[in-house]
Structure formats: structure tokens, C-alpha cells
């Protein structure tokens, strides 16, 4: 829990910095770039976290890697993260920052689970429907899971809409079993 709070605080600081420089989305691209680099290259993350490597060497590599790519204030933010030894939280900071940007731009990310891949037209229809339903611009992340059989399951924050065929069939099965038990007297007290 403490790491989550620390990551949120760093993300808020980065967001305030981005707001001051009118670069909220540009800073999101920057934090996503750093996060993807850590995902795609575990050796880089290990390099940044290894205590045997001098902080000055780590900072030099970060300057060389991102100096020409990221805005100077953003680069300074990364160097402070290294100074405070919070580099292991970079992915969490990126996630928290993304949440702040989404809130700022009135967006919501939604996990959309379907049985078969959606074509462009179906994806647009789902996006439009979710945007209307949630009252914010929906950004769907589509997962294909054939086990739901059909329909759609949407998770947006703490809200879940389960319109899967599997859930409907399970509901029908429970109703049928309940009706069958009541009619046979098995569920009635004696």
C-alpha cells in the first residue's frame, strides 16, 4: 500500500509539472516511453535498480538515453526519481499518471471482453455505446476470451457490465434447477 501511495504522489508531481508546461499529453508519452522501455528491456530496469552501480552512472545513462527525446523538466523528474531511489516504482508512477491524465481529459479506460475479435465497425459501436453509458470518452482495451461464448463483459474501474452468453446460460440453469427443486418438493420444508 505504501508503494502505491508513493507512486501516486510522484505521478501528481509529474502531472503538476506537465500542467505548468502545458504538456500533459506529451509527458504521458514520455512516461509511457520510459515504462515500455522497462517492460521491453528488463536489463535496463535491473541496471537502474542495482545498488552496486553508482548513482552518477545511472543518471548519465538516463541523460544519454532520454536527453534528446524528453523535455528537460521531465528528464529532471526522472533524475529526482533516481536520487530518491524510487526507480522500481516507475511503472506504477506511469499507471497513476495515466489515471490523472484520463481524469483531466474526461476519459475512462474500459476492459472489454468478447468471444471473438471485433472488426472496426463493431469496436466503434462498442466505444460509442460505452462513451454514452459512462458519460466520459471510453478507451476500450479488447480481450478475446472464447470461454464467454458470446456477448460482452465490460470492466470500467469498479463497475462491471456482464452481458456474456455464459452468464445468461448459468442464470437460466439456476432458475431451471430452482424451479425443478421447488416442483419436486425437494426444497420445501417438511
Protein backbone atom coordinates (compact mmCIF):
# COMPACT_ATOMS: atom_id res chain seq x y z
CA UNK A 1 0.00 0.00 0.00
CA UNK A 2 2.81 2.40 0.79
CA UNK A 3 4.36 1.94 -2.68
CA UNK A 4 1.00 2.76 -4.27
CA UNK A 5 0.78 5.98 -2.26
CA UNK A 6 4.35 6.96 -3.13
CA UNK A 7 3.75 6.25 -6.83
CA UNK A 8 0.55 8.34 -6.73
CA UNK A 9 2.44 11.25 -5.12
CA UNK A 10 5.17 11.14 -7.75
CA UNK A 11 2.54 10.95 -10.50
CA UNK A 12 0.77 14.00 -9.07
CA UNK A 13 4.06 15.89 -9.00
CA UNK A 14 4.73 14.96 -12.63
CA UNK A 15 1.18 15.97 -13.56
CA UNK A 16 1.60 19.40 -11.90
CA UNK A 17 4.90 19.82 -13.75
CA UNK A 18 3.22 18.87 -17.03
CA UNK A 19 0.34 21.27 -16.39
CA UNK A 20 2.75 24.13 -15.78
CA UNK A 21 4.42 23.41 -19.11
CA UNK A 22 1.12 22.76 -20.92
CA UNK A 23 2.37 19.33 -21.88
CA UNK A 24 0.06 16.86 -20.11
CA UNK A 25 -0.20 14.51 -23.10
CA UNK A 26 3.45 14.96 -24.11
CA UNK A 27 4.51 13.96 -20.59
CA UNK A 28 2.21 10.95 -20.83
CA UNK A 29 4.04 9.91 -23.99
CA UNK A 30 7.30 10.36 -22.06
CA UNK A 31 6.30 8.30 -19.03
CA UNK A 32 4.84 5.63 -21.34
CA UNK A 33 8.14 5.55 -23.27
CA UNK A 34 10.09 5.00 -20.06
CA UNK A 35 7.62 2.39 -18.83
CA UNK A 36 7.68 0.50 -22.16
CA UNK A 37 11.47 0.56 -22.18
CA UNK A 38 11.45 -1.05 -18.73
CA UNK A 39 8.93 -3.66 -19.92
CA UNK A 40 10.72 -4.43 -23.17
CA UNK A 41 14.22 -4.40 -21.70
CA UNK A 42 14.35 -5.97 -18.21
CA UNK A 43 18.13 -5.45 -18.22
CA UNK A 44 17.60 -1.69 -18.21
CA UNK A 45 15.34 -1.94 -15.14
CA UNK A 46 17.89 -4.15 -13.43
CA UNK A 47 20.63 -1.65 -14.27
CA UNK A 48 18.63 1.18 -12.69
CA UNK A 49 17.81 -0.83 -9.56
CA UNK A 50 21.19 -2.46 -8.88
CA UNK A 51 22.74 -0.80 -5.83
CA UNK A 52 26.26 -1.78 -6.94
CA UNK A 53 26.10 0.66 -9.85
CA UNK A 54 26.88 4.23 -8.88
CA UNK A 55 24.01 6.71 -8.96
CA UNK A 56 26.11 9.04 -11.13
CA UNK A 57 26.49 6.27 -13.76
CA UNK A 58 22.75 5.61 -13.76
CA UNK A 59 22.00 9.31 -14.16
CA UNK A 60 24.48 9.60 -17.02
CA UNK A 61 22.82 6.69 -18.87
CA UNK A 62 19.37 8.24 -18.32
CA UNK A 63 20.62 11.61 -19.62
CA UNK A 64 22.14 9.96 -22.70
CA UNK A 65 19.10 7.76 -23.34
CA UNK A 66 16.37 10.35 -22.87
CA UNK A 67 18.15 13.72 -23.13
CA UNK A 68 17.24 14.37 -26.75
CA UNK A 69 13.83 12.73 -26.53
CA UNK A 70 12.14 14.03 -23.38
CA UNK A 71 11.52 17.63 -22.29
CA UNK A 72 14.15 18.93 -19.85
CA UNK A 73 11.75 19.23 -16.86
CA UNK A 74 10.63 15.64 -17.44
CA UNK A 75 14.23 14.46 -17.58
CA UNK A 76 14.91 16.29 -14.31
CA UNK A 77 11.93 14.47 -12.80
CA UNK A 78 13.50 11.12 -13.78
CA UNK A 79 16.78 12.16 -12.20
CA UNK A 80 14.98 13.01 -8.95
CA UNK A 81 13.29 9.59 -9.05
CA UNK A 82 16.78 8.08 -9.23
CA UNK A 83 18.07 10.35 -6.44
CA UNK A 84 15.24 9.20 -4.17
CA UNK A 85 15.78 5.54 -5.20
CA UNK A 86 12.21 5.16 -6.47
CA UNK A 87 13.07 3.77 -9.90
CA UNK A 88 11.41 0.44 -9.08
CA UNK A 89 8.11 2.36 -8.97
CA UNK A 90 8.36 3.79 -12.49
CA UNK A 91 5.67 1.52 -13.94
CA UNK A 92 3.35 2.33 -11.03
CA UNK A 93 4.06 6.04 -11.44
CA UNK A 94 3.24 5.72 -15.15
CA UNK A 95 -0.05 3.98 -14.35
CA UNK A 96 -1.04 6.60 -11.77
CA UNK A 97 -0.07 9.40 -14.16
CA UNK A 98 -2.22 7.84 -16.90
CA UNK A 99 -5.17 7.84 -14.48
CA UNK A 100 -4.65 11.54 -13.73
CA UNK A 101 -4.49 12.40 -17.44
CA UNK A 102 -7.62 10.36 -18.14
CA UNK A 103 -9.47 12.18 -15.38
CA UNK A 104 -8.20 15.54 -16.64
CA UNK A 105 -9.33 14.78 -20.20
CA UNK A 106 -12.62 13.16 -19.08
CA UNK A 107 -11.64 9.73 -20.36
CA UNK A 108 -12.21 6.27 -18.93
CA UNK A 109 -10.35 3.09 -19.80
CA UNK A 110 -12.52 0.01 -20.12
CA UNK A 111 -11.56 -3.63 -20.40
CA UNK A 112 -13.89 -5.16 -22.98
CA UNK A 113 -14.01 -8.95 -23.13
CA UNK A 114 -15.59 -10.63 -26.16
CA UNK A 115 -15.70 -14.19 -27.51
CA UNK A 116 -14.38 -13.26 -30.97
CA UNK A 117 -12.29 -10.34 -32.26
CA UNK A 118 -14.19 -7.15 -33.09
CA UNK A 119 -13.96 -5.55 -36.51
CA UNK A 120 -13.51 -1.76 -36.77
CA UNK A 121 -17.23 -1.09 -37.08
CA UNK A 122 -18.10 -3.21 -34.03
CA UNK A 123 -15.29 -1.62 -32.00
CA UNK A 124 -16.57 1.85 -32.89
CA UNK A 125 -20.11 0.85 -31.89
CA UNK A 126 -18.86 -0.52 -28.54
CA UNK A 127 -16.76 2.61 -27.95
CA UNK A 128 -19.68 4.93 -28.77
CA UNK A 129 -22.07 2.97 -26.55
CA UNK A 130 -19.63 2.92 -23.63
CA UNK A 131 -18.95 6.63 -24.02
CA UNK A 132 -22.69 7.34 -23.81
CA UNK A 133 -23.21 4.92 -20.94
CA UNK A 134 -20.26 6.09 -18.83
CA UNK A 135 -20.57 9.79 -19.60
CA UNK A 136 -16.88 10.04 -20.48
CA UNK A 137 -14.84 9.24 -23.55
CA UNK A 138 -14.27 5.49 -23.44
CA UNK A 139 -10.94 3.96 -24.35
CA UNK A 140 -11.59 0.23 -24.77
CA UNK A 141 -8.93 -2.41 -24.33
CA UNK A 142 -10.31 -5.52 -26.03
CA UNK A 143 -9.59 -9.02 -24.73
CA UNK A 144 -10.74 -12.07 -26.66
CA UNK A 145 -11.85 -14.98 -24.45
CA UNK A 146 -13.85 -17.65 -26.29
CA UNK A 147 -14.98 -19.15 -22.97
CA UNK A 148 -17.58 -16.38 -22.51
CA UNK A 149 -19.30 -17.98 -25.56
CA UNK A 150 -20.80 -14.71 -26.83
CA UNK A 151 -21.95 -11.28 -25.71
CA UNK A 152 -19.67 -8.82 -23.95
CA UNK A 153 -18.19 -8.18 -20.50
CA UNK A 154 -17.04 -4.65 -19.67
CA UNK A 155 -14.99 -3.56 -16.68
CA UNK A 156 -14.57 0.19 -16.20
CA UNK A 157 -12.99 0.97 -12.86
CA UNK A 158 -15.10 -0.72 -10.17
CA UNK A 159 -18.08 -1.18 -12.49
CA UNK A 160 -18.68 -4.44 -14.33
CA UNK A 161 -21.31 -5.00 -17.01
CA UNK A 162 -21.65 -8.73 -17.70
CA UNK A 163 -23.67 -9.36 -20.84
CA UNK A 164 -21.94 -12.64 -21.64
CA UNK A 165 -23.84 -15.58 -23.01
CA UNK A 166 -22.16 -17.79 -20.41
CA UNK A 167 -23.63 -15.68 -17.54
CA UNK A 168 -27.08 -15.78 -19.14
CA UNK A 169 -26.92 -19.56 -19.58
CA UNK A 170 -25.74 -20.01 -15.98
CA UNK A 171 -28.65 -17.85 -14.81
CA UNK A 172 -31.13 -19.89 -16.82
CA UNK A 173 -29.65 -23.11 -15.44
CA UNK A 174 -30.01 -21.85 -11.85
CA UNK A 175 -33.62 -20.83 -12.50
CA UNK A 176 -34.42 -24.20 -14.04
CA UNK A 177 -32.79 -26.08 -11.17
CA UNK A 178 -34.60 -23.89 -8.63
CA UNK A 179 -37.95 -24.49 -10.36
CA UNK A 180 -37.26 -28.20 -10.59
CA UNK A 181 -36.37 -28.41 -6.87
CA UNK A 182 -39.50 -26.46 -5.82
CA UNK A 183 -41.83 -28.53 -8.02
CA UNK A 184 -40.41 -31.82 -6.74
CA UNK A 185 -40.73 -30.68 -3.16
CA UNK A 186 -37.02 -31.17 -2.53
CA UNK A 187 -36.59 -27.56 -1.45
CA UNK A 188 -39.72 -27.36 0.71
CA UNK A 189 -39.50 -27.78 4.49
CA UNK A 190 -41.20 -30.90 5.87
